Amino acid sequence: MTDTAETTAPSRRAQLKFVLVLGGLSAFGPLSIDMYLPALPRMADDLRAADTTVQLTLSAFIVGLALGQLVLGPLSDAFGRRRPLLVGLALYVVGSVLCAMSPDAWLLVAARLVQSLGAAAGIVIARATVRDLFSGTAMTKFFSTLMLVTGLAPILAPLIGGQLLNWTSWRGVFVVLTAFGALLLAVVLFAFPEPSSSRSPARLGQVMRTYGRLALDRSFAGYALASGLLFASMFAYISGSSFALQGVYGLSPQAYSVVFGVNGVGIVLAGQLNGRLVGRVRERVLLRAGLLLGVTGGALVLVAAVTRAPLAFLLVSLFLLVSSIGLVMPNASSLALASHARSAGAASALLGVLQFVIGAVATPLVGLGGPGTAVPMAATMAGFAVLALVAYLTLAREVTS
């Protein structure tokens, strides 16, 4: 069997099970990052720590998420998906318990690092498992279905966290995350079969050669950079929109939450539209359309920020850019993984790491102009959207038979 061979799609009942399980695994990142954000001020007071120290809990999680994917992706190619996933889920549960029990901020930072290494297993192995189970348009359709979860999780996580704080402390948020991890651990242990039959060596030299081969694959690099750079535009939105919309345009926290939620729904709707169009429209065409939509939205956001256009103009522009994620991510992921069935774990790891590393570069740029302007955020969003389109056009080549 070659890397591009077609796989037999699971039954509809099995697909529903995989959507729920893989969707839950994909949600680890946004849930673990966003659910506790409303509690950061309380955590600083409770632990008698500086705000910057408590914010390191977020940085530690993102670093662990990136490093964990680089390690666990190739391990899942060597030992199958189940065993590394079970180890990762157990590590996540342990890390979550340590977070809930941490007596000071620095121990909490360390516990978040442990938690993130476990979360990385869920994210990277979920994406690789999709490649094991599907190929061609079926794979793209499934990635589009997963956008229901990956789009809704960032919307619901802060709302759930905020509601939890009405009747429990920030430690209770981590107790809920512990329960979530334990539930998925039980499901994977008792009801999740090993989806992959092929294996690749786990020797360090072989792993490094695999990463090198992937990095030098122009098509893979084009798809990975296109998704990673557009995701960085999304990172800029997440990190800067609250300051821009509340500080510059005067939105209340409640109104900002509504705007954030509507944009998240845009991702979901675009993802479902993509799922309906795949098969009738080629993935590359849909990917190009999503990137062009992102560039258009980014350019309009920049125009709105520079000219201080009415709020409605800015909101529509933001919706266009954020919604483009729902078109770009399923197609870019599917096309990037299509020719790498035997190294799907390593390929999935590089896809995920690029998203977080480039996003980490984009995040500090949004605050360069100070709190009184939305121009740095808009310029960062527009710039990374343009770079995403350029990466696709210059690197991603169509493979012909």
Protein backbone atom coordinates (compact mmCIF):
# COMPACT_ATOMS: atom_id res chain seq x y z
CA MET A 1 0.00 0.00 0.00
CA THR A 2 1.36 3.42 -0.92
CA ASP A 3 1.01 6.58 1.06
CA THR A 4 -1.70 7.78 -1.28
CA ALA A 5 -3.77 4.62 -1.26
CA GLU A 6 -7.43 4.87 -0.48
CA THR A 7 -8.66 3.60 2.87
CA THR A 8 -12.02 2.08 3.63
CA ALA A 9 -14.23 4.60 5.36
CA PRO A 10 -15.81 3.48 8.65
CA SER A 11 -19.58 3.02 8.94
CA ARG A 12 -21.75 6.01 9.86
CA ARG A 13 -22.10 4.73 13.43
CA ALA A 14 -18.35 4.29 13.73
CA GLN A 15 -17.80 7.73 12.20
CA LEU A 16 -20.06 9.29 14.85
CA LYS A 17 -18.01 7.60 17.57
CA PHE A 18 -14.79 8.86 16.05
CA VAL A 19 -16.20 12.39 15.72
CA LEU A 20 -17.04 12.44 19.44
CA VAL A 21 -13.75 10.91 20.59
CA LEU A 22 -11.41 12.71 18.19
CA GLY A 23 -13.37 15.93 18.66
CA GLY A 24 -12.87 15.64 22.42
CA LEU A 25 -9.16 15.04 21.93
CA SER A 26 -8.90 18.02 19.56
CA ALA A 27 -10.65 20.19 22.14
CA PHE A 28 -7.92 19.67 24.76
CA GLY A 29 -6.00 22.74 23.65
CA PRO A 30 -8.75 25.37 23.61
CA LEU A 31 -10.45 23.98 26.72
CA SER A 32 -7.23 23.89 28.73
CA ILE A 33 -6.16 27.34 27.56
CA ASP A 34 -9.43 29.27 27.52
CA MET A 35 -11.45 27.77 30.37
CA TYR A 36 -9.24 29.15 33.14
CA LEU A 37 -8.59 32.59 31.59
CA PRO A 38 -11.43 34.29 33.53
CA ALA A 39 -9.80 33.05 36.75
CA LEU A 40 -6.33 34.56 36.20
CA PRO A 41 -6.87 37.62 38.45
CA ARG A 42 -8.23 35.45 41.27
CA MET A 43 -5.33 33.03 40.89
CA ALA A 44 -2.82 35.86 41.26
CA ASP A 45 -4.52 37.06 44.46
CA ASP A 46 -4.95 33.58 45.91
CA LEU A 47 -1.36 32.52 45.24
CA ARG A 48 0.05 35.96 46.18
CA ALA A 49 1.85 36.11 42.86
CA ALA A 50 2.49 38.81 40.29
CA ASP A 51 0.24 38.86 37.24
CA THR A 52 3.23 38.15 35.02
CA THR A 53 4.06 35.03 37.01
CA VAL A 54 0.52 33.68 36.71
CA GLN A 55 0.55 34.44 32.98
CA LEU A 56 3.54 32.12 32.70
CA THR A 57 1.08 29.28 33.26
CA LEU A 58 -0.27 30.03 29.79
CA SER A 59 3.20 30.29 28.24
CA ALA A 60 4.25 26.99 29.84
CA PHE A 61 1.18 25.27 28.45
CA ILE A 62 1.81 26.49 24.89
CA VAL A 63 5.49 25.46 25.05
CA GLY A 64 4.56 22.01 26.34
CA LEU A 65 1.88 21.66 23.69
CA ALA A 66 4.45 22.29 20.95
CA LEU A 67 7.21 20.08 22.41
CA GLY A 68 4.78 17.30 23.27
CA GLN A 69 3.54 17.08 19.70
CA LEU A 70 7.09 16.84 18.33
CA VAL A 71 7.81 13.86 20.60
CA LEU A 72 4.46 12.07 20.68
CA GLY A 73 3.72 12.31 16.95
CA PRO A 74 6.65 10.09 15.88
CA LEU A 75 6.09 7.79 18.88
CA SER A 76 2.56 7.15 17.65
CA ASP A 77 3.99 6.23 14.23
CA ALA A 78 6.28 3.69 15.92
CA PHE A 79 4.04 2.18 18.62
CA GLY A 80 0.56 2.79 17.27
CA ARG A 81 -1.91 5.45 18.32
CA ARG A 82 -3.42 3.88 21.44
CA ARG A 83 -0.41 3.45 23.72
CA PRO A 84 1.03 6.99 23.38
CA LEU A 85 -2.49 8.36 23.61
CA LEU A 86 -3.22 6.48 26.82
CA VAL A 87 0.08 7.63 28.33
CA GLY A 88 -0.68 11.21 27.27
CA LEU A 89 -4.19 11.15 28.71
CA ALA A 90 -2.91 9.74 32.00
CA LEU A 91 -0.28 12.48 32.08
CA TYR A 92 -2.98 15.08 31.42
CA VAL A 93 -5.06 13.80 34.35
CA VAL A 94 -2.05 13.85 36.66
CA GLY A 95 -1.11 17.35 35.52
CA SER A 96 -4.67 18.60 36.03
CA VAL A 97 -4.76 17.21 39.56
CA LEU A 98 -1.43 18.90 40.31
CA CYS A 99 -2.82 22.18 38.95
CA ALA A 100 -5.83 21.96 41.24
CA MET A 101 -3.61 21.26 44.26
CA SER A 102 -0.73 23.67 43.54
CA PRO A 103 0.13 25.73 46.64
CA ASP A 104 2.10 28.41 44.79
CA ALA A 105 2.39 29.93 41.33
CA TRP A 106 5.68 28.32 40.32
CA LEU A 107 4.42 24.82 41.10
CA LEU A 108 1.33 25.69 39.08
CA VAL A 109 3.56 26.63 36.13
CA ALA A 110 5.29 23.25 36.38
CA ALA A 111 1.96 21.43 36.69
CA ARG A 112 0.67 23.23 33.58
CA LEU A 113 3.72 22.01 31.68
CA VAL A 114 2.92 18.42 32.68
CA GLN A 115 -0.72 18.95 31.73
CA SER A 116 0.21 20.37 28.33
CA LEU A 117 2.46 17.42 27.45
CA GLY A 118 -0.56 15.17 27.95
CA ALA A 119 -2.85 17.47 25.99
CA ALA A 120 -0.39 17.40 23.09
CA ALA A 121 -0.99 13.66 22.74
CA GLY A 122 -4.70 14.20 22.20
CA ILE A 123 -4.23 16.92 19.60
CA VAL A 124 -1.47 15.33 17.50
CA ILE A 125 -2.81 11.78 17.63
CA ALA A 126 -6.37 12.87 16.82
CA ARG A 127 -5.14 14.48 13.59
CA ALA A 128 -2.96 11.47 12.70
CA THR A 129 -5.84 9.07 13.41
CA VAL A 130 -8.01 10.90 10.89
CA ARG A 131 -5.30 10.17 8.30
CA ASP A 132 -5.32 6.49 9.37
CA LEU A 133 -9.07 6.19 8.94
CA PHE A 134 -9.71 8.29 5.85
CA SER A 135 -8.14 9.49 2.63
CA GLY A 136 -9.07 11.81 -0.22
CA THR A 137 -12.29 13.77 0.06
CA ALA A 138 -13.48 11.58 2.97
CA MET A 139 -10.56 12.85 5.04
CA THR A 140 -11.34 16.48 4.20
CA LYS A 141 -15.02 15.97 5.03
CA PHE A 142 -14.10 14.50 8.39
CA PHE A 143 -11.74 17.37 9.20
CA SER A 144 -14.61 19.72 8.30
CA THR A 145 -16.90 17.86 10.70
CA LEU A 146 -14.31 18.25 13.46
CA MET A 147 -14.56 22.03 12.96
CA LEU A 148 -17.86 21.76 14.87
CA VAL A 149 -15.79 20.96 17.96
CA THR A 150 -12.65 22.98 17.29
CA GLY A 151 -14.75 26.02 16.42
CA LEU A 152 -17.14 25.78 19.36
CA ALA A 153 -14.55 24.87 22.03
CA PRO A 154 -12.87 28.33 22.13
CA ILE A 155 -16.34 29.93 22.35
CA LEU A 156 -17.69 27.74 25.11
CA ALA A 157 -14.52 27.35 27.20
CA PRO A 158 -14.39 30.91 28.62
CA LEU A 159 -18.16 30.86 29.18
CA ILE A 160 -17.93 27.55 31.05
CA GLY A 161 -14.99 28.82 33.05
CA GLY A 162 -16.81 32.01 33.95
CA GLN A 163 -19.88 30.09 35.10
CA LEU A 164 -17.78 27.69 37.15
CA LEU A 165 -16.28 30.64 39.01
CA ASN A 166 -19.78 31.59 40.19
CA TRP A 167 -19.89 28.56 42.47
CA THR A 168 -16.30 27.34 42.82
CA SER A 169 -12.73 28.64 42.90
CA TRP A 170 -10.17 28.49 40.09
CA ARG A 171 -9.12 25.14 41.50
CA GLY A 172 -12.57 23.84 40.60
CA VAL A 173 -11.88 24.67 36.94
CA PHE A 174 -8.93 22.29 36.99
CA VAL A 175 -11.06 19.66 38.74
CA VAL A 176 -13.47 19.84 35.80
CA LEU A 177 -10.55 19.50 33.37
CA THR A 178 -9.37 16.49 35.38
CA ALA A 179 -12.79 14.88 34.97
CA PHE A 180 -12.77 15.64 31.24
CA GLY A 181 -9.37 13.99 30.84
CA ALA A 182 -10.38 10.98 32.94
CA LEU A 183 -13.54 10.49 30.86
CA LEU A 184 -11.58 10.48 27.61
CA LEU A 185 -8.98 8.17 29.16
CA ALA A 186 -11.73 5.67 30.00
CA VAL A 187 -13.29 5.94 26.53
CA VAL A 188 -9.98 5.39 24.76
CA LEU A 189 -9.07 2.52 27.12
CA PHE A 190 -12.30 0.57 26.67
CA ALA A 191 -13.85 1.68 23.38
CA PHE A 192 -11.18 3.01 21.03
CA PRO A 193 -9.50 0.42 18.77
CA GLU A 194 -6.01 0.79 17.34
CA PRO A 195 -6.62 2.48 13.96
CA SER A 196 -3.11 2.14 12.50
CA SER A 197 -1.39 -1.01 11.28
CA SER A 198 1.80 0.45 9.80
CA ARG A 199 4.79 1.33 11.98
CA SER A 200 7.88 3.48 11.57
CA PRO A 201 11.10 3.23 13.64
CA ALA A 202 11.27 5.42 16.75
CA ARG A 203 15.05 5.84 16.67
CA LEU A 204 16.12 9.46 17.08
CA GLY A 205 18.05 9.51 13.81
CA GLN A 206 15.09 8.12 11.89
CA VAL A 207 12.72 10.60 13.52
CA MET A 208 14.98 13.52 12.64
CA ARG A 209 15.26 12.26 9.04
CA THR A 210 11.48 12.06 8.86
CA TYR A 211 11.13 15.64 10.07
CA GLY A 212 13.79 16.72 7.60
CA ARG A 213 12.03 14.96 4.75
CA LEU A 214 8.74 16.61 5.65
CA ALA A 215 10.34 20.05 5.96
CA LEU A 216 11.93 19.68 2.51
CA ASP A 217 8.68 18.50 0.91
CA ARG A 218 7.57 21.69 -0.84
CA SER A 219 3.91 20.76 -0.99
CA PHE A 220 3.75 19.76 2.66
CA ALA A 221 5.61 22.92 3.66
CA GLY A 222 3.24 25.04 1.58
CA TYR A 223 0.11 23.58 3.15
CA ALA A 224 1.59 23.59 6.66
CA LEU A 225 2.81 27.19 6.42
CA ALA A 226 -0.47 28.35 4.86
CA SER A 227 -2.46 26.93 7.77
CA GLY A 228 0.11 28.00 10.39
CA LEU A 229 0.38 31.57 9.14
CA LEU A 230 -3.37 32.03 8.91
CA PHE A 231 -3.69 30.50 12.38
CA ALA A 232 -1.20 33.15 13.56
CA SER A 233 -3.61 35.77 12.23
CA MET A 234 -6.24 34.11 14.42
CA PHE A 235 -3.84 34.24 17.40
CA ALA A 236 -3.44 37.98 16.83
CA TYR A 237 -7.22 38.33 16.88
CA ILE A 238 -7.57 36.32 20.10
CA SER A 239 -4.83 38.23 21.93
CA GLY A 240 -5.69 41.72 20.70
CA SER A 241 -9.41 41.89 20.00
CA SER A 242 -10.50 42.38 23.61
CA PHE A 243 -8.25 45.43 23.96
CA ALA A 244 -9.21 46.82 20.54
CA LEU A 245 -12.96 46.29 20.79
CA GLN A 246 -13.31 47.27 24.45
CA GLY A 247 -10.56 49.87 24.79
CA VAL A 248 -10.82 51.56 21.39
CA TYR A 249 -14.43 50.94 20.38
CA GLY A 250 -15.94 50.92 23.87
CA LEU A 251 -17.65 47.52 23.84
CA SER A 252 -18.68 46.13 27.21
CA PRO A 253 -17.26 42.74 28.28
CA GLN A 254 -20.66 41.20 27.63
CA ALA A 255 -20.88 42.67 24.12
CA TYR A 256 -17.34 41.55 23.39
CA SER A 257 -18.27 38.00 24.45
CA VAL A 258 -21.13 38.06 21.95
CA VAL A 259 -18.81 39.25 19.16
CA PHE A 260 -16.26 36.56 20.05
CA GLY A 261 -18.99 33.94 19.99
CA VAL A 262 -20.42 35.06 16.65
CA ASN A 263 -16.99 34.86 15.05
CA GLY A 264 -16.54 31.37 16.46
CA VAL A 265 -19.87 30.38 14.91
CA GLY A 266 -18.49 31.71 11.63
CA ILE A 267 -15.67 29.14 11.82
CA VAL A 268 -18.19 26.37 12.41
CA LEU A 269 -20.44 27.46 9.54
CA ALA A 270 -17.51 27.78 7.13
CA GLY A 271 -16.30 24.34 8.15
CA GLN A 272 -19.69 22.77 7.52
CA LEU A 273 -20.00 24.56 4.17
CA ASN A 274 -16.60 23.17 3.27
CA GLY A 275 -17.76 19.66 4.16
CA ARG A 276 -20.73 20.00 1.82
CA LEU A 277 -18.65 21.34 -1.06
CA VAL A 278 -15.81 18.81 -0.83
CA GLY A 279 -16.27 16.24 -3.58
CA ARG A 280 -17.95 18.73 -5.85
CA VAL A 281 -15.18 21.33 -5.55
CA ARG A 282 -11.52 20.35 -5.29
CA GLU A 283 -9.77 20.84 -1.95
CA ARG A 284 -7.13 23.10 -3.48
CA VAL A 285 -9.83 25.39 -4.85
CA LEU A 286 -11.54 25.56 -1.47
CA LEU A 287 -8.22 26.18 0.27
CA ARG A 288 -7.39 28.99 -2.14
CA ALA A 289 -10.85 30.50 -1.60
CA GLY A 290 -10.35 30.38 2.16
CA LEU A 291 -6.97 32.08 1.94
CA LEU A 292 -8.35 34.78 -0.34
CA LEU A 293 -11.23 35.29 2.11
CA GLY A 294 -8.69 35.66 4.91
CA VAL A 295 -6.65 38.20 2.96
CA THR A 296 -9.80 40.16 2.10
CA GLY A 297 -10.96 40.17 5.70
CA GLY A 298 -7.49 41.14 6.94
CA ALA A 299 -7.22 44.01 4.48
CA LEU A 300 -10.65 45.31 5.50
CA VAL A 301 -9.74 45.04 9.20
CA LEU A 302 -6.63 47.11 8.54
CA VAL A 303 -8.64 49.72 6.61
CA ALA A 304 -11.15 49.87 9.47
CA ALA A 305 -8.42 50.34 12.08
CA VAL A 306 -6.48 52.98 10.16
CA THR A 307 -9.55 55.05 9.21
CA ARG A 308 -11.44 54.45 12.48
CA ALA A 309 -14.34 53.16 10.41
CA PRO A 310 -17.69 52.48 12.10
CA LEU A 311 -17.80 49.48 14.42
CA ALA A 312 -20.14 47.55 12.09
CA PHE A 313 -17.55 47.69 9.30
CA LEU A 314 -14.85 46.34 11.60
CA LEU A 315 -17.08 43.55 12.91
CA VAL A 316 -17.98 42.35 9.41
CA SER A 317 -14.29 42.42 8.44
CA LEU A 318 -13.31 40.41 11.51
CA PHE A 319 -16.05 37.88 10.77
CA LEU A 320 -14.73 37.34 7.24
CA LEU A 321 -11.15 36.78 8.40
CA VAL A 322 -11.99 34.53 11.36
CA SER A 323 -14.49 32.47 9.32
CA SER A 324 -11.81 31.74 6.73
CA ILE A 325 -10.22 29.39 9.29
CA GLY A 326 -13.14 27.01 8.72
CA LEU A 327 -12.24 26.72 5.04
CA VAL A 328 -8.47 26.69 5.32
CA MET A 329 -7.75 24.30 8.19
CA PRO A 330 -9.66 21.19 6.97
CA ASN A 331 -8.31 21.43 3.41
CA ALA A 332 -4.74 22.34 4.39
CA SER A 333 -4.60 19.51 6.95
CA SER A 334 -6.02 16.96 4.52
CA LEU A 335 -3.73 17.97 1.65
CA ALA A 336 -0.65 18.10 3.89
CA LEU A 337 -1.26 14.61 5.31
CA ALA A 338 -2.45 12.98 2.08
CA SER A 339 0.96 11.68 0.95
CA HIS A 340 2.32 10.81 4.40
CA ALA A 341 0.29 7.88 5.70
CA ARG A 342 3.31 6.06 7.18
CA SER A 343 4.52 9.17 8.99
CA ALA A 344 1.13 10.73 9.78
CA GLY A 345 2.07 11.27 13.43
CA ALA A 346 5.23 13.22 12.59
CA ALA A 347 3.42 15.18 9.87
CA SER A 348 0.58 15.96 12.28
CA ALA A 349 3.14 17.13 14.84
CA LEU A 350 4.76 19.56 12.42
CA LEU A 351 1.37 20.93 11.43
CA GLY A 352 0.46 21.58 15.05
CA VAL A 353 3.83 22.95 16.11
CA LEU A 354 3.94 25.44 13.23
CA GLN A 355 0.55 26.78 14.28
CA PHE A 356 1.60 27.44 17.86
CA VAL A 357 5.15 28.64 17.13
CA ILE A 358 4.06 31.15 14.48
CA GLY A 359 1.13 32.13 16.68
CA ALA A 360 3.51 32.80 19.55
CA VAL A 361 5.51 35.11 17.26
CA ALA A 362 2.38 36.98 16.20
CA THR A 363 0.94 37.52 19.68
CA PRO A 364 3.40 40.16 21.01
CA LEU A 365 3.08 42.22 17.83
CA VAL A 366 -0.51 43.25 18.54
CA GLY A 367 0.48 45.44 21.50
CA LEU A 368 3.29 47.41 19.88
CA GLY A 369 1.22 50.58 19.47
CA GLY A 370 -0.11 50.72 23.02
CA PRO A 371 -3.69 50.38 24.27
CA GLY A 372 -5.18 53.28 22.33
CA THR A 373 -5.05 51.86 18.82
CA ALA A 374 -6.20 48.77 16.92
CA VAL A 375 -3.74 49.29 14.05
CA PRO A 376 -0.98 46.89 15.29
CA MET A 377 -3.53 44.09 15.74
CA ALA A 378 -5.05 44.78 12.32
CA ALA A 379 -1.66 44.99 10.61
CA THR A 380 -0.56 41.72 12.22
CA MET A 381 -3.75 39.95 11.16
CA ALA A 382 -3.56 41.27 7.60
CA GLY A 383 0.17 40.62 7.28
CA PHE A 384 0.00 36.99 8.36
CA ALA A 385 -3.04 36.36 6.15
CA VAL A 386 -1.07 37.67 3.15
CA LEU A 387 1.95 35.54 4.10
CA ALA A 388 -0.32 32.47 4.28
CA LEU A 389 -1.52 33.05 0.72
CA VAL A 390 2.05 33.66 -0.50
CA ALA A 391 3.28 30.43 1.14
CA TYR A 392 0.54 28.46 -0.57
CA LEU A 393 1.09 30.01 -4.00
CA THR A 394 4.88 29.64 -3.95
CA LEU A 395 5.32 26.25 -2.26
CA ALA A 396 2.21 24.06 -2.56
CA ARG A 397 2.36 22.20 -5.83
CA GLU A 398 -0.41 20.06 -7.25
CA VAL A 399 0.47 16.41 -7.41
CA THR A 400 -0.55 14.81 -10.70
CA SER A 401 -0.75 11.11 -11.32
